[in-house]
Amino acid sequence: MILAEMCNTSTSYIGQIEIGNRFPSLELIEKIALALEIEPYLLFMEETDSKAPTELLQNKTGKIPLSVKKELINNLSTAIRKVVNQIS
């Protein structure tokens, strides 16, 4: 089964995410991580020489463009701030 099917989305949408033209929702980030059997935070880790989580990420996802990582982090930060503000 391909990633798009596992996430209940189209292959073209996954492709657009991979090349940095689209940015997934938090829900889709969770689906992607679940499909890849990794923790969602691994999708945002920078590549380093000898970090085990990064190796796992690279084995499961290949390279994610830095622009996509930055946008995802921004989206997550905004969502977290909204939740914190609602709780406060």
PDB file of N, CA and C in Angstrom:
ATOM      1  N   MET A   1       0.855  -1.180   0.000  1.00  0.00           N
ATOM      2  CA  MET A   1       0.000   0.000   0.000  1.00  0.00           C
ATOM      3  C   MET A   1       0.900   1.241   0.000  1.00  0.00           C
ATOM      4  N   ILE A   2       0.514   2.240  -0.755  1.00  0.00           N
ATOM      5  CA  ILE A   2       1.319   3.451  -0.826  1.00  0.00           C
ATOM      6  C   ILE A   2       0.899   4.444   0.252  1.00  0.00           C
ATOM      7  N   LEU A   3       1.784   5.380   0.547  1.00  0.00           N
ATOM      8  CA  LEU A   3       1.558   6.352   1.610  1.00  0.00           C
ATOM      9  C   LEU A   3       0.251   7.109   1.423  1.00  0.00           C
ATOM     10  N   ALA A   4      -0.033   7.557   0.233  1.00  0.00           N
ATOM     11  CA  ALA A   4      -1.262   8.322  -0.012  1.00  0.00           C
ATOM     12  C   ALA A   4      -2.495   7.503   0.368  1.00  0.00           C
ATOM     13  N   GLU A   5      -2.519   6.237   0.001  1.00  0.00           N
ATOM     14  CA  GLU A   5      -3.651   5.383   0.355  1.00  0.00           C
ATOM     15  C   GLU A   5      -3.742   5.210   1.867  1.00  0.00           C
ATOM     16  N   MET A   6      -2.607   5.045   2.513  1.00  0.00           N
ATOM     17  CA  MET A   6      -2.585   4.852   3.958  1.00  0.00           C
ATOM     18  C   MET A   6      -3.081   6.093   4.695  1.00  0.00           C
ATOM     19  N   CYS A   7      -2.923   7.256   4.067  1.00  0.00           N
ATOM     20  CA  CYS A   7      -3.328   8.525   4.675  1.00  0.00           C
ATOM     21  C   CYS A   7      -4.663   9.021   4.145  1.00  0.00           C
ATOM     22  N   ASN A   8      -5.291   8.223   3.274  1.00  0.00           N
ATOM     23  CA  ASN A   8      -6.586   8.576   2.704  1.00  0.00           C
ATOM     24  C   ASN A   8      -6.531   9.918   1.970  1.00  0.00           C
ATOM     25  N   THR A   9      -5.511  10.062   1.141  1.00  0.00           N
ATOM     26  CA  THR A   9      -5.360  11.266   0.331  1.00  0.00           C
ATOM     27  C   THR A   9      -4.825  10.856  -1.035  1.00  0.00           C
ATOM     28  N   SER A  10      -4.626  11.797  -1.916  1.00  0.00           N
ATOM     29  CA  SER A  10      -4.169  11.472  -3.266  1.00  0.00           C
ATOM     30  C   SER A  10      -2.645  11.468  -3.359  1.00  0.00           C
ATOM     31  N   THR A  11      -2.153  10.730  -4.331  1.00  0.00           N
ATOM     32  CA  THR A  11      -0.707  10.701  -4.561  1.00  0.00           C
ATOM     33  C   THR A  11      -0.212  12.072  -5.017  1.00  0.00           C
ATOM     34  N   SER A  12      -1.042  12.793  -5.755  1.00  0.00           N
ATOM     35  CA  SER A  12      -0.606  14.115  -6.213  1.00  0.00           C
ATOM     36  C   SER A  12      -0.457  15.076  -5.033  1.00  0.00           C
ATOM     37  N   TYR A  13      -1.333  14.955  -4.013  1.00  0.00           N
ATOM     38  CA  TYR A  13      -1.228  15.820  -2.836  1.00  0.00           C
ATOM     39  C   TYR A  13       0.048  15.491  -2.054  1.00  0.00           C
ATOM     40  N   ILE A  14       0.326  14.216  -1.875  1.00  0.00           N
ATOM     41  CA  ILE A  14       1.565  13.810  -1.195  1.00  0.00           C
ATOM     42  C   ILE A  14       2.760  14.322  -1.996  1.00  0.00           C
ATOM     43  N   GLY A  15       2.702  14.216  -3.300  1.00  0.00           N
ATOM     44  CA  GLY A  15       3.788  14.725  -4.143  1.00  0.00           C
ATOM     45  C   GLY A  15       3.998  16.218  -3.982  1.00  0.00           C
ATOM     46  N   GLN A  16       2.904  16.958  -3.892  1.00  0.00           N
ATOM     47  CA  GLN A  16       2.999  18.410  -3.703  1.00  0.00           C
ATOM     48  C   GLN A  16       3.630  18.741  -2.347  1.00  0.00           C
ATOM     49  N   ILE A  17       3.340  17.943  -1.331  1.00  0.00           N
ATOM     50  CA  ILE A  17       3.972  18.137  -0.022  1.00  0.00           C
ATOM     51  C   ILE A  17       5.460  17.862  -0.127  1.00  0.00           C
ATOM     52  N   GLU A  18       5.815  16.785  -0.810  1.00  0.00           N
ATOM     53  CA  GLU A  18       7.223  16.392  -0.928  1.00  0.00           C
ATOM     54  C   GLU A  18       8.073  17.450  -1.605  1.00  0.00           C
ATOM     55  N   ILE A  19       7.509  18.155  -2.574  1.00  0.00           N
ATOM     56  CA  ILE A  19       8.308  19.162  -3.282  1.00  0.00           C
ATOM     57  C   ILE A  19       8.134  20.555  -2.687  1.00  0.00           C
ATOM     58  N   GLY A  20       7.343  20.657  -1.636  1.00  0.00           N
ATOM     59  CA  GLY A  20       7.225  21.932  -0.927  1.00  0.00           C
ATOM     60  C   GLY A  20       6.178  22.879  -1.454  1.00  0.00           C
ATOM     61  N   ASN A  21       5.296  22.416  -2.336  1.00  0.00           N
ATOM     62  CA  ASN A  21       4.251  23.289  -2.866  1.00  0.00           C
ATOM     63  C   ASN A  21       3.001  23.319  -1.997  1.00  0.00           C
ATOM     64  N   ARG A  22       2.797  22.306  -1.177  1.00  0.00           N
ATOM     65  CA  ARG A  22       1.644  22.230  -0.286  1.00  0.00           C
ATOM     66  C   ARG A  22       2.141  21.882   1.113  1.00  0.00           C
ATOM     67  N   PHE A  23       1.331  22.202   2.116  1.00  0.00           N
ATOM     68  CA  PHE A  23       1.693  21.921   3.498  1.00  0.00           C
ATOM     69  C   PHE A  23       0.547  21.162   4.155  1.00  0.00           C
ATOM     70  N   PRO A  24       0.854  20.025   4.775  1.00  0.00           N
ATOM     71  CA  PRO A  24      -0.211  19.202   5.342  1.00  0.00           C
ATOM     72  C   PRO A  24      -0.793  19.806   6.620  1.00  0.00           C
ATOM     73  N   SER A  25      -2.026  19.449   6.888  1.00  0.00           N
ATOM     74  CA  SER A  25      -2.675  19.837   8.137  1.00  0.00           C
ATOM     75  C   SER A  25      -2.082  19.009   9.274  1.00  0.00           C
ATOM     76  N   LEU A  26      -2.389  19.399  10.498  1.00  0.00           N
ATOM     77  CA  LEU A  26      -1.932  18.615  11.640  1.00  0.00           C
ATOM     78  C   LEU A  26      -2.489  17.197  11.582  1.00  0.00           C
ATOM     79  N   GLU A  27      -3.726  17.079  11.145  1.00  0.00           N
ATOM     80  CA  GLU A  27      -4.346  15.765  11.017  1.00  0.00           C
ATOM     81  C   GLU A  27      -3.578  14.888  10.032  1.00  0.00           C
ATOM     82  N   LEU A  28      -3.186  15.463   8.899  1.00  0.00           N
ATOM     83  CA  LEU A  28      -2.452  14.688   7.909  1.00  0.00           C
ATOM     84  C   LEU A  28      -1.048  14.359   8.408  1.00  0.00           C
ATOM     85  N   ILE A  29      -0.432  15.257   9.142  1.00  0.00           N
ATOM     86  CA  ILE A  29       0.883  14.971   9.728  1.00  0.00           C
ATOM     87  C   ILE A  29       0.776  13.739  10.623  1.00  0.00           C
ATOM     88  N   GLU A  30      -0.264  13.689  11.430  1.00  0.00           N
ATOM     89  CA  GLU A  30      -0.468  12.528  12.299  1.00  0.00           C
ATOM     90  C   GLU A  30      -0.690  11.262  11.483  1.00  0.00           C
ATOM     91  N   LYS A  31      -1.462  11.350  10.412  1.00  0.00           N
ATOM     92  CA  LYS A  31      -1.708  10.187   9.560  1.00  0.00           C
ATOM     93  C   LYS A  31      -0.423   9.705   8.899  1.00  0.00           C
ATOM     94  N   ILE A  32       0.388  10.643   8.421  1.00  0.00           N
ATOM     95  CA  ILE A  32       1.652  10.278   7.779  1.00  0.00           C
ATOM     96  C   ILE A  32       2.559   9.573   8.786  1.00  0.00           C
ATOM     97  N   ALA A  33       2.682  10.138   9.971  1.00  0.00           N
ATOM     98  CA  ALA A  33       3.532   9.531  10.997  1.00  0.00           C
ATOM     99  C   ALA A  33       3.024   8.137  11.361  1.00  0.00           C
ATOM    100  N   LEU A  34       1.719   7.986  11.502  1.00  0.00           N
ATOM    101  CA  LEU A  34       1.141   6.686  11.827  1.00  0.00           C
ATOM    102  C   LEU A  34       1.425   5.678  10.710  1.00  0.00           C
ATOM    103  N   ALA A  35       1.238   6.109   9.465  1.00  0.00           N
ATOM    104  CA  ALA A  35       1.482   5.228   8.322  1.00  0.00           C
ATOM    105  C   ALA A  35       2.947   4.798   8.243  1.00  0.00           C
ATOM    106  N   LEU A  36       3.841   5.713   8.615  1.00  0.00           N
ATOM    107  CA  LEU A  36       5.281   5.411   8.563  1.00  0.00           C
ATOM    108  C   LEU A  36       5.787   4.738   9.837  1.00  0.00           C
ATOM    109  N   GLU A  37       4.880   4.619  10.816  1.00  0.00           N
ATOM    110  CA  GLU A  37       5.214   4.008  12.101  1.00  0.00           C
ATOM    111  C   GLU A  37       6.358   4.743  12.794  1.00  0.00           C
ATOM    112  N   ILE A  38       6.237   6.081  12.802  1.00  0.00           N
ATOM    113  CA  ILE A  38       7.205   6.933  13.487  1.00  0.00           C
ATOM    114  C   ILE A  38       6.443   7.964  14.302  1.00  0.00           C
ATOM    115  N   GLU A  39       7.137   8.605  15.222  1.00  0.00           N
ATOM    116  CA  GLU A  39       6.540   9.693  15.986  1.00  0.00           C
ATOM    117  C   GLU A  39       6.477  10.934  15.091  1.00  0.00           C
ATOM    118  N   PRO A  40       5.399  11.708  15.186  1.00  0.00           N
ATOM    119  CA  PRO A  40       5.261  12.891  14.321  1.00  0.00           C
ATOM    120  C   PRO A  40       6.441  13.860  14.402  1.00  0.00           C
ATOM    121  N   TYR A  41       7.052  14.012  15.592  1.00  0.00           N
ATOM    122  CA  TYR A  41       8.156  14.967  15.716  1.00  0.00           C
ATOM    123  C   TYR A  41       9.326  14.612  14.807  1.00  0.00           C
ATOM    124  N   LEU A  42       9.458  13.352  14.437  1.00  0.00           N
ATOM    125  CA  LEU A  42      10.567  12.957  13.571  1.00  0.00           C
ATOM    126  C   LEU A  42      10.468  13.602  12.188  1.00  0.00           C
ATOM    127  N   LEU A  43       9.289  14.003  11.797  1.00  0.00           N
ATOM    128  CA  LEU A  43       9.121  14.658  10.501  1.00  0.00           C
ATOM    129  C   LEU A  43       9.745  16.044  10.460  1.00  0.00           C
ATOM    130  N   PHE A  44      10.104  16.569  11.641  1.00  0.00           N
ATOM    131  CA  PHE A  44      10.626  17.925  11.728  1.00  0.00           C
ATOM    132  C   PHE A  44      12.096  17.985  12.122  1.00  0.00           C
ATOM    133  N   MET A  45      12.725  16.845  12.289  1.00  0.00           N
ATOM    134  CA  MET A  45      14.122  16.830  12.734  1.00  0.00           C
ATOM    135  C   MET A  45      15.048  17.189  11.587  1.00  0.00           C
ATOM    136  N   GLU A  46      16.081  17.922  11.926  1.00  0.00           N
ATOM    137  CA  GLU A  46      17.115  18.250  10.955  1.00  0.00           C
ATOM    138  C   GLU A  46      17.990  17.020  10.728  1.00  0.00           C
ATOM    139  N   GLU A  47      18.553  16.933   9.552  1.00  0.00           N
ATOM    140  CA  GLU A  47      19.443  15.825   9.261  1.00  0.00           C
ATOM    141  C   GLU A  47      20.786  16.063   9.932  1.00  0.00           C
ATOM    142  N   THR A  48      21.280  15.038  10.607  1.00  0.00           N
ATOM    143  CA  THR A  48      22.588  15.087  11.247  1.00  0.00           C
ATOM    144  C   THR A  48      23.341  13.807  10.938  1.00  0.00           C
ATOM    145  N   ASP A  49      24.585  13.762  11.353  1.00  0.00           N
ATOM    146  CA  ASP A  49      25.418  12.617  11.004  1.00  0.00           C
ATOM    147  C   ASP A  49      25.008  11.309  11.669  1.00  0.00           C
ATOM    148  N   SER A  50      24.822  11.313  12.964  1.00  0.00           N
ATOM    149  CA  SER A  50      24.686  10.022  13.636  1.00  0.00           C
ATOM    150  C   SER A  50      23.544   9.968  14.648  1.00  0.00           C
ATOM    151  N   LYS A  51      22.446  10.608  14.384  1.00  0.00           N
ATOM    152  CA  LYS A  51      21.311  10.566  15.289  1.00  0.00           C
ATOM    153  C   LYS A  51      20.375   9.434  14.869  1.00  0.00           C
ATOM    154  N   ALA A  52      20.092   8.525  15.770  1.00  0.00           N
ATOM    155  CA  ALA A  52      19.239   7.382  15.465  1.00  0.00           C
ATOM    156  C   ALA A  52      17.855   7.803  14.959  1.00  0.00           C
ATOM    157  N   PRO A  53      17.156   8.772  15.609  1.00  0.00           N
ATOM    158  CA  PRO A  53      15.838   9.157  15.090  1.00  0.00           C
ATOM    159  C   PRO A  53      15.906   9.694  13.669  1.00  0.00           C
ATOM    160  N   THR A  54      16.961  10.423  13.351  1.00  0.00           N
ATOM    161  CA  THR A  54      17.090  10.964  12.004  1.00  0.00           C
ATOM    162  C   THR A  54      17.299   9.843  10.995  1.00  0.00           C
ATOM    163  N   GLU A  55      18.077   8.843  11.378  1.00  0.00           N
ATOM    164  CA  GLU A  55      18.269   7.705  10.488  1.00  0.00           C
ATOM    165  C   GLU A  55      16.945   7.003  10.234  1.00  0.00           C
ATOM    166  N   LEU A  56      16.147   6.848  11.277  1.00  0.00           N
ATOM    167  CA  LEU A  56      14.836   6.239  11.130  1.00  0.00           C
ATOM    168  C   LEU A  56      13.982   7.070  10.197  1.00  0.00           C
ATOM    169  N   LEU A  57      13.995   8.371  10.377  1.00  0.00           N
ATOM    170  CA  LEU A  57      13.226   9.269   9.522  1.00  0.00           C
ATOM    171  C   LEU A  57      13.662   9.137   8.067  1.00  0.00           C
ATOM    172  N   GLN A  58      14.954   9.141   7.816  1.00  0.00           N
ATOM    173  CA  GLN A  58      15.452   9.050   6.451  1.00  0.00           C
ATOM    174  C   GLN A  58      15.066   7.719   5.818  1.00  0.00           C
ATOM    175  N   ASN A  59      15.104   6.644   6.606  1.00  0.00           N
ATOM    176  CA  ASN A  59      14.738   5.338   6.076  1.00  0.00           C
ATOM    177  C   ASN A  59      13.267   5.269   5.715  1.00  0.00           C
ATOM    178  N   LYS A  60      12.434   5.981   6.447  1.00  0.00           N
ATOM    179  CA  LYS A  60      10.990   5.920   6.233  1.00  0.00           C
ATOM    180  C   LYS A  60      10.483   6.939   5.225  1.00  0.00           C
ATOM    181  N   THR A  61      11.066   8.113   5.175  1.00  0.00           N
ATOM    182  CA  THR A  61      10.466   9.189   4.376  1.00  0.00           C
ATOM    183  C   THR A  61      11.346   9.733   3.267  1.00  0.00           C
ATOM    184  N   GLY A  62      12.614   9.476   3.275  1.00  0.00           N
ATOM    185  CA  GLY A  62      13.494  10.139   2.333  1.00  0.00           C
ATOM    186  C   GLY A  62      13.704  11.570   2.779  1.00  0.00           C
ATOM    187  N   LYS A  63      14.143  12.405   1.891  1.00  0.00           N
ATOM    188  CA  LYS A  63      14.394  13.804   2.261  1.00  0.00           C
ATOM    189  C   LYS A  63      13.121  14.625   2.142  1.00  0.00           C
ATOM    190  N   ILE A  64      12.858  15.392   3.174  1.00  0.00           N
ATOM    191  CA  ILE A  64      11.759  16.358   3.148  1.00  0.00           C
ATOM    192  C   ILE A  64      12.407  17.722   2.977  1.00  0.00           C
ATOM    193  N   PRO A  65      11.954  18.511   2.013  1.00  0.00           N
ATOM    194  CA  PRO A  65      12.571  19.824   1.800  1.00  0.00           C
ATOM    195  C   PRO A  65      12.536  20.671   3.074  1.00  0.00           C
ATOM    196  N   LEU A  66      13.609  21.413   3.295  1.00  0.00           N
ATOM    197  CA  LEU A  66      13.719  22.263   4.472  1.00  0.00           C
ATOM    198  C   LEU A  66      12.570  23.257   4.538  1.00  0.00           C
ATOM    199  N   SER A  67      12.146  23.772   3.408  1.00  0.00           N
ATOM    200  CA  SER A  67      11.037  24.730   3.401  1.00  0.00           C
ATOM    201  C   SER A  67       9.762  24.088   3.941  1.00  0.00           C
ATOM    202  N   VAL A  68       9.547  22.815   3.649  1.00  0.00           N
ATOM    203  CA  VAL A  68       8.373  22.106   4.156  1.00  0.00           C
ATOM    204  C   VAL A  68       8.490  21.928   5.660  1.00  0.00           C
ATOM    205  N   LYS A  69       9.685  21.540   6.132  1.00  0.00           N
ATOM    206  CA  LYS A  69       9.901  21.383   7.573  1.00  0.00           C
ATOM    207  C   LYS A  69       9.623  22.686   8.305  1.00  0.00           C
ATOM    208  N   LYS A  70      10.129  23.796   7.767  1.00  0.00           N
ATOM    209  CA  LYS A  70       9.934  25.099   8.419  1.00  0.00           C
ATOM    210  C   LYS A  70       8.458  25.479   8.462  1.00  0.00           C
ATOM    211  N   GLU A  71       7.751  25.278   7.371  1.00  0.00           N
ATOM    212  CA  GLU A  71       6.331  25.611   7.334  1.00  0.00           C
ATOM    213  C   GLU A  71       5.535  24.728   8.298  1.00  0.00           C
ATOM    214  N   LEU A  72       5.867  23.452   8.358  1.00  0.00           N
ATOM    215  CA  LEU A  72       5.190  22.556   9.289  1.00  0.00           C
ATOM    216  C   LEU A  72       5.426  22.981  10.734  1.00  0.00           C
ATOM    217  N   ILE A  73       6.652  23.352  11.044  1.00  0.00           N
ATOM    218  CA  ILE A  73       6.969  23.807  12.404  1.00  0.00           C
ATOM    219  C   ILE A  73       6.185  25.073  12.723  1.00  0.00           C
ATOM    220  N   ASN A  74       6.111  25.996  11.769  1.00  0.00           N
ATOM    221  CA  ASN A  74       5.326  27.219  11.981  1.00  0.00           C
ATOM    222  C   ASN A  74       3.854  26.895  12.217  1.00  0.00           C
ATOM    223  N   ASN A  75       3.302  25.977  11.416  1.00  0.00           N
ATOM    224  CA  ASN A  75       1.904  25.585  11.574  1.00  0.00           C
ATOM    225  C   ASN A  75       1.669  24.927  12.928  1.00  0.00           C
ATOM    226  N   LEU A  76       2.586  24.063  13.324  1.00  0.00           N
ATOM    227  CA  LEU A  76       2.456  23.410  14.626  1.00  0.00           C
ATOM    228  C   LEU A  76       2.550  24.417  15.759  1.00  0.00           C
ATOM    229  N   SER A  77       3.480  25.339  15.662  1.00  0.00           N
ATOM    230  CA  SER A  77       3.643  26.357  16.707  1.00  0.00           C
ATOM    231  C   SER A  77       2.374  27.184  16.852  1.00  0.00           C
ATOM    232  N   THR A  78       1.784  27.577  15.742  1.00  0.00           N
ATOM    233  CA  THR A  78       0.552  28.351  15.769  1.00  0.00           C
ATOM    234  C   THR A  78      -0.578  27.541  16.408  1.00  0.00           C
ATOM    235  N   ALA A  79      -0.694  26.286  16.024  1.00  0.00           N
ATOM    236  CA  ALA A  79      -1.745  25.433  16.577  1.00  0.00           C
ATOM    237  C   ALA A  79      -1.554  25.223  18.073  1.00  0.00           C
ATOM    238  N   ILE A  80      -0.321  25.036  18.498  1.00  0.00           N
ATOM    239  CA  ILE A  80      -0.032  24.837  19.928  1.00  0.00           C
ATOM    240  C   ILE A  80      -0.371  26.101  20.704  1.00  0.00           C
ATOM    241  N   ARG A  81       0.003  27.264  20.173  1.00  0.00           N
ATOM    242  CA  ARG A  81      -0.321  28.535  20.841  1.00  0.00           C
ATOM    243  C   ARG A  81      -1.835  28.700  20.993  1.00  0.00           C
ATOM    244  N   LYS A  82      -2.595  28.344  19.975  1.00  0.00           N
ATOM    245  CA  LYS A  82      -4.053  28.456  20.037  1.00  0.00           C
ATOM    246  C   LYS A  82      -4.614  27.568  21.143  1.00  0.00           C
ATOM    247  N   VAL A  83      -4.116  26.351  21.229  1.00  0.00           N
ATOM    248  CA  VAL A  83      -4.589  25.427  22.268  1.00  0.00           C
ATOM    249  C   VAL A  83      -4.227  25.939  23.644  1.00  0.00           C
ATOM    250  N   VAL A  84      -2.991  26.419  23.817  1.00  0.00           N
ATOM    251  CA  VAL A  84      -2.550  26.947  25.098  1.00  0.00           C
ATOM    252  C   VAL A  84      -3.400  28.149  25.500  1.00  0.00           C
ATOM    253  N   ASN A  85      -3.690  29.032  24.559  1.00  0.00           N
ATOM    254  CA  ASN A  85      -4.523  30.205  24.838  1.00  0.00           C
ATOM    255  C   ASN A  85      -5.949  29.806  25.226  1.00  0.00           C
ATOM    256  N   GLN A  86      -6.471  28.760  24.616  1.00  0.00           N
ATOM    257  CA  GLN A  86      -7.807  28.298  24.956  1.00  0.00           C
ATOM    258  C   GLN A  86      -7.842  27.695  26.350  1.00  0.00           C
ATOM    259  N   ILE A  87      -6.775  27.036  26.740  1.00  0.00           N
ATOM    260  CA  ILE A  87      -6.699  26.399  28.053  1.00  0.00           C
ATOM    261  C   ILE A  87      -6.495  27.441  29.151  1.00  0.00           C
ATOM    262  N   SER A  88      -5.717  28.472  28.847  1.00  0.00           N
ATOM    263  CA  SER A  88      -5.379  29.490  29.842  1.00  0.00           C
ATOM    264  C   SER A  88      -6.555  30.313  30.264  1.00  0.00           C
TER     265      SER A  88
END
